[in-house]
N, C-alpha and C. Protein backbone atom coordinates (compact mmCIF):
# COMPACT_ATOMS: atom_id res chain seq x y z
N UNK A 1 7.48 154.12 35.63
CA UNK A 1 7.95 155.72 35.15
C UNK A 1 7.94 156.69 35.08
N UNK A 2 6.33 157.12 35.69
CA UNK A 2 6.19 158.00 36.98
C UNK A 2 7.16 158.60 37.86
N UNK A 3 7.30 157.25 38.77
CA UNK A 3 8.14 157.61 39.87
C UNK A 3 9.40 157.48 39.99
N UNK A 4 9.90 157.10 38.90
CA UNK A 4 11.29 156.93 38.93
C UNK A 4 11.95 158.24 39.22
N UNK A 5 11.80 159.08 38.34
CA UNK A 5 12.68 160.59 38.57
C UNK A 5 12.60 161.16 40.30
N UNK A 6 11.51 160.63 40.96
CA UNK A 6 11.46 160.42 42.18
C UNK A 6 12.47 160.05 42.45
N UNK A 7 12.46 158.65 42.51
CA UNK A 7 12.95 157.34 42.96
C UNK A 7 14.77 157.80 42.85
N UNK A 8 15.07 158.78 41.80
CA UNK A 8 16.39 158.83 41.73
C UNK A 8 16.69 159.90 42.12
N UNK A 9 16.43 161.23 42.41
CA UNK A 9 16.42 161.96 43.13
C UNK A 9 16.70 161.82 44.34
N UNK A 10 15.67 160.76 45.12
CA UNK A 10 15.90 160.50 46.31
C UNK A 10 17.32 159.51 46.54
N UNK A 11 17.74 158.71 45.38
CA UNK A 11 19.40 158.12 45.52
C UNK A 11 20.23 158.52 45.45
N UNK A 12 20.25 160.01 44.51
CA UNK A 12 21.08 161.06 44.74
C UNK A 12 21.39 162.18 45.63
N UNK A 13 20.23 162.40 46.68
CA UNK A 13 20.26 163.04 47.63
C UNK A 13 21.11 162.24 48.84
N UNK A 14 20.57 160.77 48.88
CA UNK A 14 21.21 159.93 49.44
C UNK A 14 22.92 159.59 49.37
N UNK A 15 23.41 159.23 48.04
CA UNK A 15 24.18 159.11 47.64
C UNK A 15 25.17 160.85 48.09
N UNK A 16 24.90 161.61 47.82
CA UNK A 16 25.46 162.91 48.21
C UNK A 16 25.79 163.21 49.74
N UNK A 17 24.46 162.46 50.64
CA UNK A 17 24.71 162.33 51.76
C UNK A 17 25.72 161.66 52.61
N UNK A 18 25.76 160.64 51.77
CA UNK A 18 26.85 159.33 52.20
C UNK A 18 28.00 160.00 52.27
N UNK A 19 27.90 160.59 50.80
CA UNK A 19 29.95 161.20 50.08
C UNK A 19 29.95 162.51 51.19
N UNK A 20 29.13 162.89 51.49
CA UNK A 20 29.44 163.90 52.69
C UNK A 20 29.92 163.51 54.10
N UNK A 21 29.00 162.51 54.37
CA UNK A 21 29.60 161.49 55.70
C UNK A 21 30.73 160.95 55.66
N UNK A 22 31.46 160.78 54.41
CA UNK A 22 32.29 159.83 54.13
C UNK A 22 33.91 160.55 54.27
N UNK A 23 33.24 161.67 53.47
CA UNK A 23 34.73 163.40 53.67
C UNK A 23 34.62 163.56 54.94
N UNK A 24 33.43 163.76 56.31
CA UNK A 24 33.83 163.62 57.29
C UNK A 24 34.59 162.89 57.99
N UNK A 25 34.07 161.52 57.62
CA UNK A 25 34.93 160.81 58.32
C UNK A 25 36.61 160.48 58.08
N UNK A 26 36.53 160.44 56.97
CA UNK A 26 38.21 160.68 56.97
C UNK A 26 39.03 161.94 57.10
N UNK A 27 38.14 163.13 57.16
CA UNK A 27 39.01 164.56 57.78
C UNK A 27 39.37 163.95 59.18
N UNK A 28 38.25 162.95 60.13
CA UNK A 28 38.36 162.68 61.21
C UNK A 28 39.34 161.46 61.49
N UNK A 29 39.52 160.53 60.31
CA UNK A 29 40.90 160.05 60.59
C UNK A 29 41.72 160.52 60.44
N UNK A 30 42.30 161.47 59.57
CA UNK A 30 43.08 162.28 59.06
C UNK A 30 43.27 162.88 60.78
N UNK A 31 42.60 163.35 60.91
CA UNK A 31 43.24 164.15 62.10
C UNK A 31 43.94 162.79 63.44
N UNK A 32 43.12 162.34 63.35
CA UNK A 32 43.41 161.55 64.61
C UNK A 32 45.05 161.17 63.98
N UNK A 33 45.21 160.60 63.09
CA UNK A 33 46.84 159.71 62.62
C UNK A 33 47.44 160.78 62.61
N UNK A 34 47.21 162.54 62.89
CA UNK A 34 48.07 163.25 62.74
C UNK A 34 48.48 163.29 64.34
N UNK A 35 47.67 163.00 65.13
CA UNK A 35 47.92 163.05 66.38
C UNK A 35 48.57 161.84 66.95
N UNK A 36 48.38 160.79 65.75
CA UNK A 36 49.12 159.87 66.70
C UNK A 36 50.72 159.55 65.79
N UNK A 37 50.38 160.43 64.84
CA UNK A 37 52.08 160.73 64.35
C UNK A 37 53.17 160.41 64.93
N UNK A 38 53.38 161.41 65.59
CA UNK A 38 54.33 161.45 66.61
C UNK A 38 54.80 160.40 67.53
N UNK A 39 53.72 159.77 67.78
CA UNK A 39 53.92 158.25 68.60
C UNK A 39 54.52 157.33 67.94
N UNK A 40 54.18 156.98 66.57
CA UNK A 40 55.20 156.09 65.70
C UNK A 40 56.11 156.31 65.32
N UNK A 41 56.50 157.56 65.19
CA UNK A 41 58.40 158.25 65.46
C UNK A 41 58.46 157.92 66.55
N UNK A 42 57.97 158.24 67.83
CA UNK A 42 58.47 157.88 69.05
C UNK A 42 58.74 155.89 69.36
N UNK A 43 57.56 155.19 68.92
CA UNK A 43 57.86 153.93 68.97
C UNK A 43 58.89 153.83 67.47
N UNK A 44 59.26 154.40 66.56
CA UNK A 44 60.37 153.98 65.63
C UNK A 44 61.75 154.22 66.06
N UNK A 45 61.94 155.23 66.99
CA UNK A 45 63.17 155.82 67.36
C UNK A 45 63.41 154.96 68.40
N UNK A 46 62.30 154.16 69.38
CA UNK A 46 62.66 153.12 70.51
C UNK A 46 62.94 151.78 69.63
N UNK A 47 62.64 151.61 68.86
CA UNK A 47 62.87 149.98 68.03
C UNK A 47 64.31 150.72 67.28
N UNK A 48 64.70 151.58 66.63
CA UNK A 48 66.03 151.73 66.12
C UNK A 48 67.53 151.63 67.42
N UNK A 49 66.82 152.31 68.30
CA UNK A 49 67.78 152.61 69.61
C UNK A 49 68.03 150.80 70.03
N UNK A 50 67.08 150.43 70.39
CA UNK A 50 66.88 149.08 71.04
C UNK A 50 67.98 148.02 69.72
N UNK A 51 67.90 148.42 68.72
CA UNK A 51 68.86 147.54 67.53
C UNK A 51 70.14 147.91 67.72
N UNK A 52 70.26 148.99 67.65
CA UNK A 52 71.30 149.59 67.66
C UNK A 52 72.27 149.22 69.31
N UNK A 53 71.40 148.68 70.46
CA UNK A 53 71.72 148.88 71.62
C UNK A 53 72.12 147.25 71.54
N UNK A 54 70.70 146.59 71.13
CA UNK A 54 71.70 144.82 70.66
C UNK A 54 72.95 144.68 69.92
N UNK A 55 72.95 145.49 68.96
CA UNK A 55 73.91 145.48 67.75
C UNK A 55 75.30 145.87 68.63
N UNK A 56 75.43 146.08 69.72
CA UNK A 56 76.59 146.66 70.05
C UNK A 56 76.75 145.72 71.66
N UNK A 57 75.75 145.10 72.18
CA UNK A 57 76.16 143.95 72.93
C UNK A 57 76.83 142.93 72.44
N UNK A 58 75.66 143.05 71.44
CA UNK A 58 76.46 141.46 70.37
C UNK A 58 77.98 141.50 70.02
N UNK A 59 78.13 142.91 69.38
CA UNK A 59 79.80 142.72 69.57
C UNK A 59 80.32 142.92 70.30
N UNK A 60 80.01 143.48 71.77
CA UNK A 60 81.04 143.34 72.93
C UNK A 60 81.00 142.35 73.71
N UNK A 61 80.12 141.05 73.36
CA UNK A 61 80.08 140.22 73.73
C UNK A 61 81.04 139.09 72.96
N UNK A 62 81.15 139.54 71.79
CA UNK A 62 82.06 138.78 70.86
C UNK A 62 83.58 139.11 70.95
N UNK A 63 83.44 140.19 71.08
CA UNK A 63 84.64 140.79 71.70
C UNK A 63 85.34 140.32 72.95
N UNK A 64 84.54 139.85 73.99
CA UNK A 64 85.18 139.42 75.13
C UNK A 64 84.96 137.89 74.77
N UNK A 65 84.36 137.57 74.02
CA UNK A 65 84.27 135.24 74.07
C UNK A 65 85.51 135.46 73.39
N UNK A 66 86.14 136.48 72.07
CA UNK A 66 87.23 136.44 71.06
C UNK A 66 88.32 136.18 72.07
N UNK A 67 88.44 137.45 73.09
CA UNK A 67 89.51 138.03 74.23
C UNK A 67 89.56 136.48 74.96
N UNK A 68 89.01 136.08 75.17
CA UNK A 68 88.65 134.97 76.74
C UNK A 68 89.25 133.55 76.13
N UNK A 69 89.11 133.35 74.60
CA UNK A 69 89.47 132.43 74.01
C UNK A 69 90.69 132.24 73.78
N UNK A 70 90.99 133.63 73.37
CA UNK A 70 92.78 133.64 73.19
C UNK A 70 93.62 133.38 74.25
N UNK A 71 92.68 133.91 75.29
CA UNK A 71 93.66 133.88 77.10
C UNK A 71 93.43 133.19 77.44
N UNK A 72 92.30 131.95 76.99
CA UNK A 72 92.11 130.55 77.50
C UNK A 72 93.88 129.94 76.86
N UNK A 73 93.45 130.24 75.34
CA UNK A 73 94.25 129.18 74.62
C UNK A 73 95.77 129.41 75.30
N UNK A 74 95.93 130.88 75.56
CA UNK A 74 97.61 131.54 75.98
C UNK A 74 97.38 130.75 77.42
N UNK A 75 96.89 131.08 78.62
CA UNK A 75 96.47 129.81 80.04
C UNK A 75 97.15 128.96 79.82
N UNK A 76 96.63 128.04 78.73
CA UNK A 76 96.15 126.22 78.56
C UNK A 76 98.32 126.57 78.05
N UNK A 77 98.41 126.74 76.90
CA UNK A 77 100.19 126.85 77.14
C UNK A 77 100.79 127.06 77.47
N UNK A 78 100.63 128.33 78.48
CA UNK A 78 101.73 128.47 79.82
C UNK A 78 101.84 127.32 80.93
N UNK A 79 100.09 126.97 80.75
CA UNK A 79 99.99 125.71 81.75
C UNK A 79 100.77 124.89 81.60
N UNK A 80 100.77 124.30 80.27
CA UNK A 80 101.62 123.06 79.81
C UNK A 80 103.35 123.49 80.30
N UNK A 81 103.73 124.60 79.48
CA UNK A 81 104.88 124.78 80.13
C UNK A 81 105.56 125.06 81.16
N UNK A 82 104.44 124.91 82.24
CA UNK A 82 104.79 125.41 83.64
C UNK A 82 104.94 123.65 84.17
N UNK A 83 103.95 122.89 83.68
CA UNK A 83 104.07 121.40 84.15
C UNK A 83 105.51 120.85 83.28
N UNK A 84 105.98 120.92 82.51
CA UNK A 84 106.88 120.67 81.54
C UNK A 84 108.13 121.28 82.44
N UNK A 85 108.10 122.45 82.93
CA UNK A 85 109.35 122.60 83.62
C UNK A 85 109.19 121.66 84.94
N UNK A 86 107.71 122.06 85.57
CA UNK A 86 108.16 120.88 87.19
C UNK A 86 108.60 119.66 87.18
N UNK A 87 108.16 118.71 85.55
CA UNK A 87 108.95 117.57 85.19
C UNK A 87 110.29 117.54 85.39
N UNK A 88 110.55 118.66 84.69
CA UNK A 88 111.85 118.47 84.01
C UNK A 88 112.69 119.12 85.50
N UNK A 89 112.02 119.64 86.32
CA UNK A 89 113.03 120.10 87.68
C UNK A 89 113.00 118.64 88.42
N UNK A 90 111.87 118.09 88.55
CA UNK A 90 112.05 116.50 89.30
C UNK A 90 112.86 115.59 88.75
N UNK A 91 112.91 115.54 87.75
CA UNK A 91 114.25 114.86 86.77
C UNK A 91 115.13 115.06 87.25
N UNK A 92 115.52 116.26 87.98
CA UNK A 92 117.35 116.85 87.48
C UNK A 92 116.91 116.16 89.08
N UNK A 93 116.14 116.84 89.73
CA UNK A 93 116.61 116.27 91.52
C UNK A 93 116.49 114.84 91.19
N UNK A 94 115.95 113.82 90.68
CA UNK A 94 115.78 112.71 90.86
C UNK A 94 117.37 112.91 90.67
N UNK A 95 117.88 113.01 89.20
CA UNK A 95 118.81 112.30 89.03
C UNK A 95 120.05 112.80 89.82
N UNK A 96 120.33 113.96 90.61
CA UNK A 96 120.91 114.61 91.62
C UNK A 96 120.74 113.68 92.65
N UNK A 97 119.72 113.24 93.54
CA UNK A 97 119.58 112.19 94.18
C UNK A 97 120.65 110.84 94.19
N UNK A 98 120.09 110.59 92.60
CA UNK A 98 120.52 108.97 92.51
C UNK A 98 122.53 109.39 92.27
N UNK A 99 122.81 110.20 92.24
CA UNK A 99 124.21 110.52 91.72
C UNK A 99 124.31 110.75 93.14
N UNK A 100 124.29 110.93 94.17
CA UNK A 100 124.27 111.17 95.68
C UNK A 100 124.96 109.89 95.64
N UNK A 101 123.23 109.21 95.65
CA UNK A 101 123.70 107.66 96.43
C UNK A 101 124.65 106.96 95.96
N UNK A 102 124.79 107.01 94.68
CA UNK A 102 125.75 106.53 93.97
C UNK A 102 127.53 106.74 94.09
N UNK A 103 127.67 108.43 94.97
CA UNK A 103 128.97 108.81 96.13
C UNK A 103 128.96 108.17 96.77
N UNK A 104 128.15 108.44 97.79
CA UNK A 104 127.80 107.52 99.06
C UNK A 104 128.63 106.24 98.96
N UNK A 105 127.67 105.07 98.29
CA UNK A 105 128.22 103.94 97.91
C UNK A 105 129.45 103.66 97.74
N UNK A 106 130.19 104.40 96.86
CA UNK A 106 131.57 104.41 96.55
C UNK A 106 132.39 104.27 97.95
N UNK A 107 131.79 105.03 98.66
CA UNK A 107 132.97 105.52 99.83
C UNK A 107 132.78 105.25 101.04
């Protein structure tokens, strides 16, 4: 029992030193975090900018894709009408040639 007060004094002193060291460590950590905060803001801004750029590129790509598919559909339709026109001309020429042959055979 006689040693108990001395031991309690040592434990109390060590606890106080530990608290002081913890305060110093916490102050150091806070100072380093304040120094790093601008870096975190910069990285965050870069991330936002990259996200916006990617979103813009996706929108542009989708617009081109839509315009391309619409253009492809129109081209496809025009190609078919061009084909139908060519077939009609060929049919007309054939009919004209057959009529000519018929007239020649009659004379």
